[in-house]
Full PDB file with SEQRES, HELIX, SHEET, SSBOND, CRYST1, ORIGX, SCALE, CONECT and MASTER records, all heavy atoms in Angstrom:
SEQRES   1 A   37  ARG LYS ASN GLY PRO GLN LYS LYS ALA ALA ARG LEU LEU          
SEQRES   2 A   37  VAL TRP SER HIS ILE LEU ASP ASP VAL ALA LEU MET GLU          
SEQRES   3 A   37  THR ILE GLU GLY ALA GLY ALA ASN VAL VAL ILE                  
HELIX    1 AA1 VAL A   22  GLY A   30  1                                   9    
SHEET    1 AA1 2 ALA A  10  LEU A  12  0                                        
SHEET    2 AA1 2 ALA A  33  VAL A  35  1                                        
CRYST1    1.000    1.000    1.000  90.00  90.00  90.00 P 1           1          
ORIGX1      1.000000  0.000000  0.000000        0.00000                         
ORIGX2      0.000000  1.000000  0.000000        0.00000                         
ORIGX3      0.000000  0.000000  1.000000        0.00000                         
SCALE1      1.000000  0.000000  0.000000        0.00000                         
SCALE2      0.000000  1.000000  0.000000        0.00000                         
SCALE3      0.000000  0.000000  1.000000        0.00000                         
ATOM      1  N   ARG A   1     110.137  87.042  67.930  1.00  0.00           N  
ATOM      2  CA  ARG A   1     108.935  87.832  68.057  1.00  0.00           C  
ATOM      3  C   ARG A   1     107.631  87.084  68.388  1.00  0.00           C  
ATOM      4  O   ARG A   1     107.561  85.905  68.076  1.00  0.00           O  
ATOM      5  CB  ARG A   1     108.756  88.651  66.632  1.00  0.00           C  
ATOM      6  CG  ARG A   1     108.294  87.686  65.586  1.00  0.00           C  
ATOM      7  CD  ARG A   1     108.392  88.374  64.117  1.00  0.00           C  
ATOM      8  NE  ARG A   1     107.784  89.540  64.034  1.00  0.00           N  
ATOM      9  CZ  ARG A   1     107.375  90.141  62.943  1.00  0.00           C  
ATOM     10  NH1 ARG A   1     107.479  89.432  61.786  1.00  0.00           N  
ATOM     11  NH2 ARG A   1     106.805  91.285  62.851  1.00  0.00           N  
ATOM     12  N   LYS A   2     106.707  87.857  68.884  1.00  0.00           N  
ATOM     13  CA  LYS A   2     105.415  87.127  69.251  1.00  0.00           C  
ATOM     14  C   LYS A   2     104.267  87.835  68.493  1.00  0.00           C  
ATOM     15  O   LYS A   2     103.119  87.435  68.659  1.00  0.00           O  
ATOM     16  CB  LYS A   2     105.170  87.404  70.734  1.00  0.00           C  
ATOM     17  CG  LYS A   2     106.236  86.693  71.666  1.00  0.00           C  
ATOM     18  CD  LYS A   2     105.949  86.826  73.074  1.00  0.00           C  
ATOM     19  CE  LYS A   2     106.927  86.085  74.016  1.00  0.00           C  
ATOM     20  NZ  LYS A   2     108.396  86.507  73.776  1.00  0.00           N  
ATOM     21  N   ASN A   3     104.584  88.800  67.580  1.00  0.00           N  
ATOM     22  CA  ASN A   3     103.568  89.463  66.819  1.00  0.00           C  
ATOM     23  C   ASN A   3     103.724  89.254  65.294  1.00  0.00           C  
ATOM     24  O   ASN A   3     103.520  90.197  64.556  1.00  0.00           O  
ATOM     25  CB  ASN A   3     103.489  90.906  67.173  1.00  0.00           C  
ATOM     26  CG  ASN A   3     104.798  91.564  66.808  1.00  0.00           C  
ATOM     27  OD1 ASN A   3     105.849  91.004  66.714  1.00  0.00           O  
ATOM     28  ND2 ASN A   3     104.760  92.932  66.728  1.00  0.00           N  
ATOM     29  N   GLY A   4     104.196  88.094  64.883  1.00  0.00           N  
ATOM     30  CA  GLY A   4     104.444  87.846  63.525  1.00  0.00           C  
ATOM     31  C   GLY A   4     103.117  87.663  62.719  1.00  0.00           C  
ATOM     32  O   GLY A   4     102.085  87.803  63.164  1.00  0.00           O  
ATOM     33  N   PRO A   5     103.349  87.191  61.467  1.00  0.00           N  
ATOM     34  CA  PRO A   5     102.184  86.973  60.577  1.00  0.00           C  
ATOM     35  C   PRO A   5     101.272  85.848  61.143  1.00  0.00           C  
ATOM     36  O   PRO A   5     101.742  85.003  61.872  1.00  0.00           O  
ATOM     37  CB  PRO A   5     102.831  86.535  59.234  1.00  0.00           C  
ATOM     38  CG  PRO A   5     104.207  87.131  59.343  1.00  0.00           C  
ATOM     39  CD  PRO A   5     104.593  87.032  60.834  1.00  0.00           C  
ATOM     40  N   GLN A   6      99.954  85.960  60.814  1.00  0.00           N  
ATOM     41  CA  GLN A   6      98.959  84.986  61.122  1.00  0.00           C  
ATOM     42  C   GLN A   6      98.987  83.838  60.125  1.00  0.00           C  
ATOM     43  O   GLN A   6      99.254  84.046  58.994  1.00  0.00           O  
ATOM     44  CB  GLN A   6      97.597  85.602  61.302  1.00  0.00           C  
ATOM     45  CG  GLN A   6      97.546  86.735  62.296  1.00  0.00           C  
ATOM     46  CD  GLN A   6      97.865  86.272  63.655  1.00  0.00           C  
ATOM     47  OE1 GLN A   6      97.272  85.283  64.265  1.00  0.00           O  
ATOM     48  NE2 GLN A   6      98.778  86.875  64.278  1.00  0.00           N  
ATOM     49  N   LYS A   7      98.602  82.740  60.627  1.00  0.00           N  
ATOM     50  CA  LYS A   7      98.482  81.594  59.719  1.00  0.00           C  
ATOM     51  C   LYS A   7      97.336  81.740  58.691  1.00  0.00           C  
ATOM     52  O   LYS A   7      96.266  82.130  59.078  1.00  0.00           O  
ATOM     53  CB  LYS A   7      98.239  80.289  60.540  1.00  0.00           C  
ATOM     54  CG  LYS A   7      98.295  78.996  59.694  1.00  0.00           C  
ATOM     55  CD  LYS A   7      98.209  77.772  60.612  1.00  0.00           C  
ATOM     56  CE  LYS A   7      98.253  76.470  59.752  1.00  0.00           C  
ATOM     57  NZ  LYS A   7      98.272  75.320  60.524  1.00  0.00           N  
ATOM     58  N   LYS A   8      97.646  81.434  57.370  1.00  0.00           N  
ATOM     59  CA  LYS A   8      96.710  81.586  56.281  1.00  0.00           C  
ATOM     60  C   LYS A   8      96.699  80.342  55.480  1.00  0.00           C  
ATOM     61  O   LYS A   8      97.792  79.711  55.409  1.00  0.00           O  
ATOM     62  CB  LYS A   8      96.893  82.887  55.485  1.00  0.00           C  
ATOM     63  CG  LYS A   8      96.711  84.167  56.334  1.00  0.00           C  
ATOM     64  CD  LYS A   8      97.150  85.374  55.497  1.00  0.00           C  
ATOM     65  CE  LYS A   8      97.042  86.658  56.287  1.00  0.00           C  
ATOM     66  NZ  LYS A   8      97.398  87.851  55.503  1.00  0.00           N  
ATOM     67  N   ALA A   9      95.592  79.996  54.789  1.00  0.00           N  
ATOM     68  CA  ALA A   9      95.525  78.793  54.069  1.00  0.00           C  
ATOM     69  C   ALA A   9      96.461  78.917  52.822  1.00  0.00           C  
ATOM     70  O   ALA A   9      97.072  77.918  52.421  1.00  0.00           O  
ATOM     71  CB  ALA A   9      94.148  78.485  53.645  1.00  0.00           C  
ATOM     72  N   ALA A  10      96.636  80.038  52.253  1.00  0.00           N  
ATOM     73  CA  ALA A  10      97.324  80.249  51.004  1.00  0.00           C  
ATOM     74  C   ALA A  10      98.813  80.592  51.415  1.00  0.00           C  
ATOM     75  O   ALA A  10      99.106  81.500  52.131  1.00  0.00           O  
ATOM     76  CB  ALA A  10      96.747  81.252  50.176  1.00  0.00           C  
ATOM     77  N   ARG A  11      99.744  79.748  50.844  1.00  0.00           N  
ATOM     78  CA  ARG A  11     101.205  79.952  51.041  1.00  0.00           C  
ATOM     79  C   ARG A  11     101.757  80.177  49.570  1.00  0.00           C  
ATOM     80  O   ARG A  11     101.787  79.199  48.851  1.00  0.00           O  
ATOM     81  CB  ARG A  11     101.848  78.888  51.708  1.00  0.00           C  
ATOM     82  CG  ARG A  11     101.427  78.638  53.082  1.00  0.00           C  
ATOM     83  CD  ARG A  11     101.980  77.406  53.786  1.00  0.00           C  
ATOM     84  NE  ARG A  11     103.588  77.432  53.737  1.00  0.00           N  
ATOM     85  CZ  ARG A  11     104.318  78.046  54.599  1.00  0.00           C  
ATOM     86  NH1 ARG A  11     103.794  78.712  55.602  1.00  0.00           N  
ATOM     87  NH2 ARG A  11     105.642  78.022  54.473  1.00  0.00           N  
ATOM     88  N   LEU A  12     102.078  81.421  49.267  1.00  0.00           N  
ATOM     89  CA  LEU A  12     102.287  81.703  47.866  1.00  0.00           C  
ATOM     90  C   LEU A  12     103.735  81.871  47.542  1.00  0.00           C  
ATOM     91  O   LEU A  12     104.567  82.382  48.341  1.00  0.00           O  
ATOM     92  CB  LEU A  12     101.516  82.982  47.380  1.00  0.00           C  
ATOM     93  CG  LEU A  12      99.990  83.065  47.535  1.00  0.00           C  
ATOM     94  CD1 LEU A  12      99.423  84.319  47.101  1.00  0.00           C  
ATOM     95  CD2 LEU A  12      99.421  81.847  46.795  1.00  0.00           C  
ATOM     96  N   LEU A  13     104.071  81.611  46.287  1.00  0.00           N  
ATOM     97  CA  LEU A  13     105.375  82.032  45.633  1.00  0.00           C  
ATOM     98  C   LEU A  13     105.017  83.166  44.684  1.00  0.00           C  
ATOM     99  O   LEU A  13     104.184  82.979  43.861  1.00  0.00           O  
ATOM    100  CB  LEU A  13     106.013  80.800  44.875  1.00  0.00           C  
ATOM    101  CG  LEU A  13     107.346  81.020  44.161  1.00  0.00           C  
ATOM    102  CD1 LEU A  13     108.004  79.612  43.941  1.00  0.00           C  
ATOM    103  CD2 LEU A  13     107.181  81.690  42.835  1.00  0.00           C  
ATOM    104  N   VAL A  14     105.725  84.222  44.793  1.00  0.00           N  
ATOM    105  CA  VAL A  14     105.608  85.312  43.800  1.00  0.00           C  
ATOM    106  C   VAL A  14     106.766  85.390  42.879  1.00  0.00           C  
ATOM    107  O   VAL A  14     107.954  85.460  43.386  1.00  0.00           O  
ATOM    108  CB  VAL A  14     105.433  86.631  44.598  1.00  0.00           C  
ATOM    109  CG1 VAL A  14     105.423  87.886  43.562  1.00  0.00           C  
ATOM    110  CG2 VAL A  14     104.111  86.715  45.290  1.00  0.00           C  
ATOM    111  N   TRP A  15     106.508  85.204  41.528  1.00  0.00           N  
ATOM    112  CA  TRP A  15     107.545  85.348  40.578  1.00  0.00           C  
ATOM    113  C   TRP A  15     107.402  86.682  39.916  1.00  0.00           C  
ATOM    114  O   TRP A  15     106.306  87.048  39.409  1.00  0.00           O  
ATOM    115  CB  TRP A  15     107.367  84.218  39.594  1.00  0.00           C  
ATOM    116  CG  TRP A  15     108.346  84.226  38.410  1.00  0.00           C  
ATOM    117  CD1 TRP A  15     109.618  83.749  38.405  1.00  0.00           C  
ATOM    118  CD2 TRP A  15     108.024  84.693  37.133  1.00  0.00           C  
ATOM    119  NE1 TRP A  15     110.267  83.895  37.164  1.00  0.00           N  
ATOM    120  CE2 TRP A  15     109.267  84.479  36.291  1.00  0.00           C  
ATOM    121  CE3 TRP A  15     106.934  85.317  36.501  1.00  0.00           C  
ATOM    122  CZ2 TRP A  15     109.293  84.852  34.937  1.00  0.00           C  
ATOM    123  CZ3 TRP A  15     107.040  85.714  35.199  1.00  0.00           C  
ATOM    124  CH2 TRP A  15     108.289  85.470  34.440  1.00  0.00           C  
ATOM    125  N   SER A  16     108.436  87.516  39.811  1.00  0.00           N  
ATOM    126  CA  SER A  16     108.260  88.817  39.349  1.00  0.00           C  
ATOM    127  C   SER A  16     109.662  89.337  38.808  1.00  0.00           C  
ATOM    128  O   SER A  16     110.662  88.648  38.883  1.00  0.00           O  
ATOM    129  CB  SER A  16     107.642  89.776  40.411  1.00  0.00           C  
ATOM    130  OG  SER A  16     107.386  91.092  39.841  1.00  0.00           O  
ATOM    131  N   HIS A  17     109.665  90.581  38.416  1.00  0.00           N  
ATOM    132  CA  HIS A  17     110.939  91.292  37.968  1.00  0.00           C  
ATOM    133  C   HIS A  17     111.303  92.258  39.119  1.00  0.00           C  
ATOM    134  O   HIS A  17     111.762  91.781  40.188  1.00  0.00           O  
ATOM    135  CB  HIS A  17     110.746  92.004  36.641  1.00  0.00           C  
ATOM    136  CG  HIS A  17     109.385  92.694  36.483  1.00  0.00           C  
ATOM    137  ND1 HIS A  17     108.794  93.362  37.583  1.00  0.00           N  
ATOM    138  CD2 HIS A  17     108.494  92.707  35.522  1.00  0.00           C  
ATOM    139  CE1 HIS A  17     107.602  93.870  37.136  1.00  0.00           C  
ATOM    140  NE2 HIS A  17     107.433  93.458  35.879  1.00  0.00           N  
ATOM    141  N   ILE A  18     111.203  93.513  38.885  1.00  0.00           N  
ATOM    142  CA  ILE A  18     111.545  94.529  39.927  1.00  0.00           C  
ATOM    143  C   ILE A  18     110.303  94.731  40.667  1.00  0.00           C  
ATOM    144  O   ILE A  18     109.531  95.728  40.540  1.00  0.00           O  
ATOM    145  CB  ILE A  18     112.055  95.793  39.291  1.00  0.00           C  
ATOM    146  CG1 ILE A  18     113.286  95.506  38.370  1.00  0.00           C  
ATOM    147  CG2 ILE A  18     112.474  96.810  40.350  1.00  0.00           C  
ATOM    148  CD1 ILE A  18     113.811  96.755  37.619  1.00  0.00           C  
ATOM    149  N   LEU A  19     110.105  94.000  41.799  1.00  0.00           N  
ATOM    150  CA  LEU A  19     108.996  94.231  42.676  1.00  0.00           C  
ATOM    151  C   LEU A  19     109.580  95.177  43.814  1.00  0.00           C  
ATOM    152  O   LEU A  19     110.101  94.740  44.775  1.00  0.00           O  
ATOM    153  CB  LEU A  19     108.488  92.858  43.312  1.00  0.00           C  
ATOM    154  CG  LEU A  19     107.365  92.907  44.281  1.00  0.00           C  
ATOM    155  CD1 LEU A  19     106.149  93.657  43.581  1.00  0.00           C  
ATOM    156  CD2 LEU A  19     107.037  91.536  44.740  1.00  0.00           C  
ATOM    157  N   ASP A  20     109.410  96.552  43.680  1.00  0.00           N  
ATOM    158  CA  ASP A  20     110.094  97.471  44.486  1.00  0.00           C  
ATOM    159  C   ASP A  20     109.300  98.266  45.462  1.00  0.00           C  
ATOM    160  O   ASP A  20     109.782  99.178  46.060  1.00  0.00           O  
ATOM    161  CB  ASP A  20     110.936  98.388  43.555  1.00  0.00           C  
ATOM    162  CG  ASP A  20     110.070  99.231  42.693  1.00  0.00           C  
ATOM    163  OD1 ASP A  20     108.835  98.961  42.613  1.00  0.00           O  
ATOM    164  OD2 ASP A  20     110.567 100.147  42.102  1.00  0.00           O  
ATOM    165  N   ASP A  21     107.930  97.974  45.524  1.00  0.00           N  
ATOM    166  CA  ASP A  21     107.116  98.766  46.398  1.00  0.00           C  
ATOM    167  C   ASP A  21     106.330  97.860  47.270  1.00  0.00           C  
ATOM    168  O   ASP A  21     105.731  96.892  46.789  1.00  0.00           O  
ATOM    169  CB  ASP A  21     106.200  99.678  45.621  1.00  0.00           C  
ATOM    170  CG  ASP A  21     105.482 100.706  46.333  1.00  0.00           C  
ATOM    171  OD1 ASP A  21     104.793 100.378  47.343  1.00  0.00           O  
ATOM    172  OD2 ASP A  21     105.769 101.902  46.092  1.00  0.00           O  
ATOM    173  N   VAL A  22     106.343  98.081  48.597  1.00  0.00           N  
ATOM    174  CA  VAL A  22     105.690  97.115  49.509  1.00  0.00           C  
ATOM    175  C   VAL A  22     104.190  97.048  49.263  1.00  0.00           C  
ATOM    176  O   VAL A  22     103.469  96.205  49.652  1.00  0.00           O  
ATOM    177  CB  VAL A  22     106.030  97.505  50.953  1.00  0.00           C  
ATOM    178  CG1 VAL A  22     107.505  97.279  51.251  1.00  0.00           C  
ATOM    179  CG2 VAL A  22     105.572  98.835  51.334  1.00  0.00           C  
ATOM    180  N   ALA A  23     103.634  98.203  48.687  1.00  0.00           N  
ATOM    181  CA  ALA A  23     102.185  98.206  48.465  1.00  0.00           C  
ATOM    182  C   ALA A  23     101.797  97.063  47.578  1.00  0.00           C  
ATOM    183  O   ALA A  23     100.592  96.471  47.701  1.00  0.00           O  
ATOM    184  CB  ALA A  23     101.741  99.536  47.802  1.00  0.00           C  
ATOM    185  N   LEU A  24     102.595  96.599  46.634  1.00  0.00           N  
ATOM    186  CA  LEU A  24     102.351  95.522  45.736  1.00  0.00           C  
ATOM    187  C   LEU A  24     102.203  94.123  46.447  1.00  0.00           C  
ATOM    188  O   LEU A  24     101.344  93.361  46.365  1.00  0.00           O  
ATOM    189  CB  LEU A  24     103.307  95.413  44.632  1.00  0.00           C  
ATOM    190  CG  LEU A  24     103.310  96.529  43.619  1.00  0.00           C  
ATOM    191  CD1 LEU A  24     104.576  96.547  42.783  1.00  0.00           C  
ATOM    192  CD2 LEU A  24     102.078  96.539  42.707  1.00  0.00           C  
ATOM    193  N   MET A  25     103.218  94.017  47.435  1.00  0.00           N  
ATOM    194  CA  MET A  25     103.260  92.827  48.301  1.00  0.00           C  
ATOM    195  C   MET A  25     102.128  92.834  49.303  1.00  0.00           C  
ATOM    196  O   MET A  25     101.470  91.764  49.449  1.00  0.00           O  
ATOM    197  CB  MET A  25     104.600  92.657  48.981  1.00  0.00           C  
ATOM    198  CG  MET A  25     104.771  91.367  49.640  1.00  0.00           C  
ATOM    199  SD  MET A  25     105.051  89.912  48.502  1.00  0.00           S  
ATOM    200  CE  MET A  25     106.702  90.225  47.942  1.00  0.00           C  
ATOM    201  N   GLU A  26     101.818  93.990  49.892  1.00  0.00           N  
ATOM    202  CA  GLU A  26     100.707  94.173  50.828  1.00  0.00           C  
ATOM    203  C   GLU A  26      99.430  93.859  50.167  1.00  0.00           C  
ATOM    204  O   GLU A  26      98.560  93.224  50.848  1.00  0.00           O  
ATOM    205  CB  GLU A  26     100.727  95.649  51.383  1.00  0.00           C  
ATOM    206  CG  GLU A  26     101.859  95.916  52.395  1.00  0.00           C  
ATOM    207  CD  GLU A  26     101.840  97.404  52.819  1.00  0.00           C  
ATOM    208  OE1 GLU A  26     101.236  98.276  51.973  1.00  0.00           O  
ATOM    209  OE2 GLU A  26     102.339  97.688  53.853  1.00  0.00           O  
ATOM    210  N   THR A  27      99.294  94.187  48.911  1.00  0.00           N  
ATOM    211  CA  THR A  27      97.994  93.905  48.266  1.00  0.00           C  
ATOM    212  C   THR A  27      97.755  92.447  48.114  1.00  0.00           C  
ATOM    213  O   THR A  27      96.625  92.013  48.383  1.00  0.00           O  
ATOM    214  CB  THR A  27      97.969  94.637  46.824  1.00  0.00           C  
ATOM    215  OG1 THR A  27      98.156  96.041  46.943  1.00  0.00           O  
ATOM    216  CG2 THR A  27      96.792  94.244  46.067  1.00  0.00           C  
ATOM    217  N   ILE A  28      98.797  91.701  47.802  1.00  0.00           N  
ATOM    218  CA  ILE A  28      98.629  90.220  47.666  1.00  0.00           C  
ATOM    219  C   ILE A  28      98.377  89.604  49.053  1.00  0.00           C  
ATOM    220  O   ILE A  28      97.435  88.696  49.231  1.00  0.00           O  
ATOM    221  CB  ILE A  28      99.802  89.694  46.960  1.00  0.00           C  
ATOM    222  CG1 ILE A  28      99.860  90.176  45.544  1.00  0.00           C  
ATOM    223  CG2 ILE A  28      99.703  88.097  46.994  1.00  0.00           C  
ATOM    224  CD1 ILE A  28     101.095  89.778  44.826  1.00  0.00           C  
ATOM    225  N   GLU A  29      99.180  90.000  49.988  1.00  0.00           N  
ATOM    226  CA  GLU A  29      99.076  89.334  51.339  1.00  0.00           C  
ATOM    227  C   GLU A  29      97.697  89.862  51.949  1.00  0.00           C  
ATOM    228  O   GLU A  29      97.130  89.058  52.734  1.00  0.00           O  
ATOM    229  CB  GLU A  29     100.334  89.714  52.255  1.00  0.00           C  
ATOM    230  CG  GLU A  29     101.588  89.146  51.717  1.00  0.00           C  
ATOM    231  CD  GLU A  29     102.722  89.188  52.669  1.00  0.00           C  
ATOM    232  OE1 GLU A  29     102.975  90.303  53.203  1.00  0.00           O  
ATOM    233  OE2 GLU A  29     103.400  88.194  52.910  1.00  0.00           O  
ATOM    234  N   GLY A  30      97.376  91.092  51.709  1.00  0.00           N  
ATOM    235  CA  GLY A  30      96.161  91.582  52.287  1.00  0.00           C  
ATOM    236  C   GLY A  30      94.857  90.945  51.732  1.00  0.00           C  
ATOM    237  O   GLY A  30      93.768  90.898  52.226  1.00  0.00           O  
ATOM    238  N   ALA A  31      95.020  90.217  50.583  1.00  0.00           N  
ATOM    239  CA  ALA A  31      93.937  89.529  49.905  1.00  0.00           C  
ATOM    240  C   ALA A  31      93.596  88.222  50.667  1.00  0.00           C  
ATOM    241  O   ALA A  31      92.602  87.593  50.312  1.00  0.00           O  
ATOM    242  CB  ALA A  31      94.151  89.269  48.423  1.00  0.00           C  
ATOM    243  N   GLY A  32      94.544  87.864  51.544  1.00  0.00           N  
ATOM    244  CA  GLY A  32      94.305  86.553  52.400  1.00  0.00           C  
ATOM    245  C   GLY A  32      95.364  85.516  52.160  1.00  0.00           C  
ATOM    246  O   GLY A  32      94.997  84.332  52.225  1.00  0.00           O  
ATOM    247  N   ALA A  33      96.612  85.912  51.990  1.00  0.00           N  
ATOM    248  CA  ALA A  33      97.666  84.983  51.738  1.00  0.00           C  
ATOM    249  C   ALA A  33      98.953  85.367  52.463  1.00  0.00           C  
ATOM    250  O   ALA A  33      99.184  86.464  52.928  1.00  0.00           O  
ATOM    251  CB  ALA A  33      97.985  84.835  50.292  1.00  0.00           C  
ATOM    252  N   ASN A  34      99.778  84.349  52.710  1.00  0.00           N  
ATOM    253  CA  ASN A  34     101.197  84.585  53.214  1.00  0.00           C  
ATOM    254  C   ASN A  34     102.044  84.340  51.996  1.00  0.00           C  
ATOM    255  O   ASN A  34     102.084  83.283  51.436  1.00  0.00           O  
ATOM    256  CB  ASN A  34     101.517  83.591  54.315  1.00  0.00           C  
ATOM    257  CG  ASN A  34     101.008  83.998  55.596  1.00  0.00           C  
ATOM    258  OD1 ASN A  34     100.923  85.182  55.920  1.00  0.00           O  
ATOM    259  ND2 ASN A  34     100.514  83.016  56.402  1.00  0.00           N  
ATOM    260  N   VAL A  35     102.815  85.372  51.637  1.00  0.00           N  
ATOM    261  CA  VAL A  35     103.850  85.229  50.527  1.00  0.00           C  
ATOM    262  C   VAL A  35     105.082  84.688  51.203  1.00  0.00           C  
ATOM    263  O   VAL A  35     105.749  85.446  51.942  1.00  0.00           O  
ATOM    264  CB  VAL A  35     104.098  86.570  49.863  1.00  0.00           C  
ATOM    265  CG1 VAL A  35     105.243  86.321  48.805  1.00  0.00           C  
ATOM    266  CG2 VAL A  35     102.850  87.025  49.061  1.00  0.00           C  
ATOM    267  N   VAL A  36     105.338  83.353  51.015  1.00  0.00           N  
ATOM    268  CA  VAL A  36     106.474  82.787  51.882  1.00  0.00           C  
ATOM    269  C   VAL A  36     107.763  82.741  51.115  1.00  0.00           C  
ATOM    270  O   VAL A  36     108.828  82.450  51.735  1.00  0.00           O  
ATOM    271  CB  VAL A  36     105.980  81.311  52.288  1.00  0.00           C  
ATOM    272  CG1 VAL A  36     104.827  81.424  53.313  1.00  0.00           C  
ATOM    273  CG2 VAL A  36     105.688  80.473  51.080  1.00  0.00           C  
ATOM    274  N   ILE A  37     107.686  82.880  49.761  1.00  0.00           N  
ATOM    275  CA  ILE A  37     108.988  82.902  49.103  1.00  0.00           C  
ATOM    276  C   ILE A  37     108.739  83.730  47.761  1.00  0.00           C  
ATOM    277  O   ILE A  37     107.571  83.723  47.268  1.00  0.00           O  
ATOM    278  CB  ILE A  37     109.404  81.369  48.650  1.00  0.00           C  
ATOM    279  CG1 ILE A  37     110.777  81.388  48.009  1.00  0.00           C  
ATOM    280  CG2 ILE A  37     108.366  80.716  47.842  1.00  0.00           C  
ATOM    281  CD1 ILE A  37     111.964  81.736  48.796  1.00  0.00           C  
TER     282      ILE A  37                                                      
MASTER        0    0    0    1    2    0    0    6  281    1    0    3          
END                                                                             
């Protein structure tokens, strides 16, 4: 692909239980981070 995520300074690990809605992940990534693992 040529339209993947943009480079961001923050590369985050998210530790959670049942993270089952993309809105939760979008909220963190939309704050200015790449959740990489």
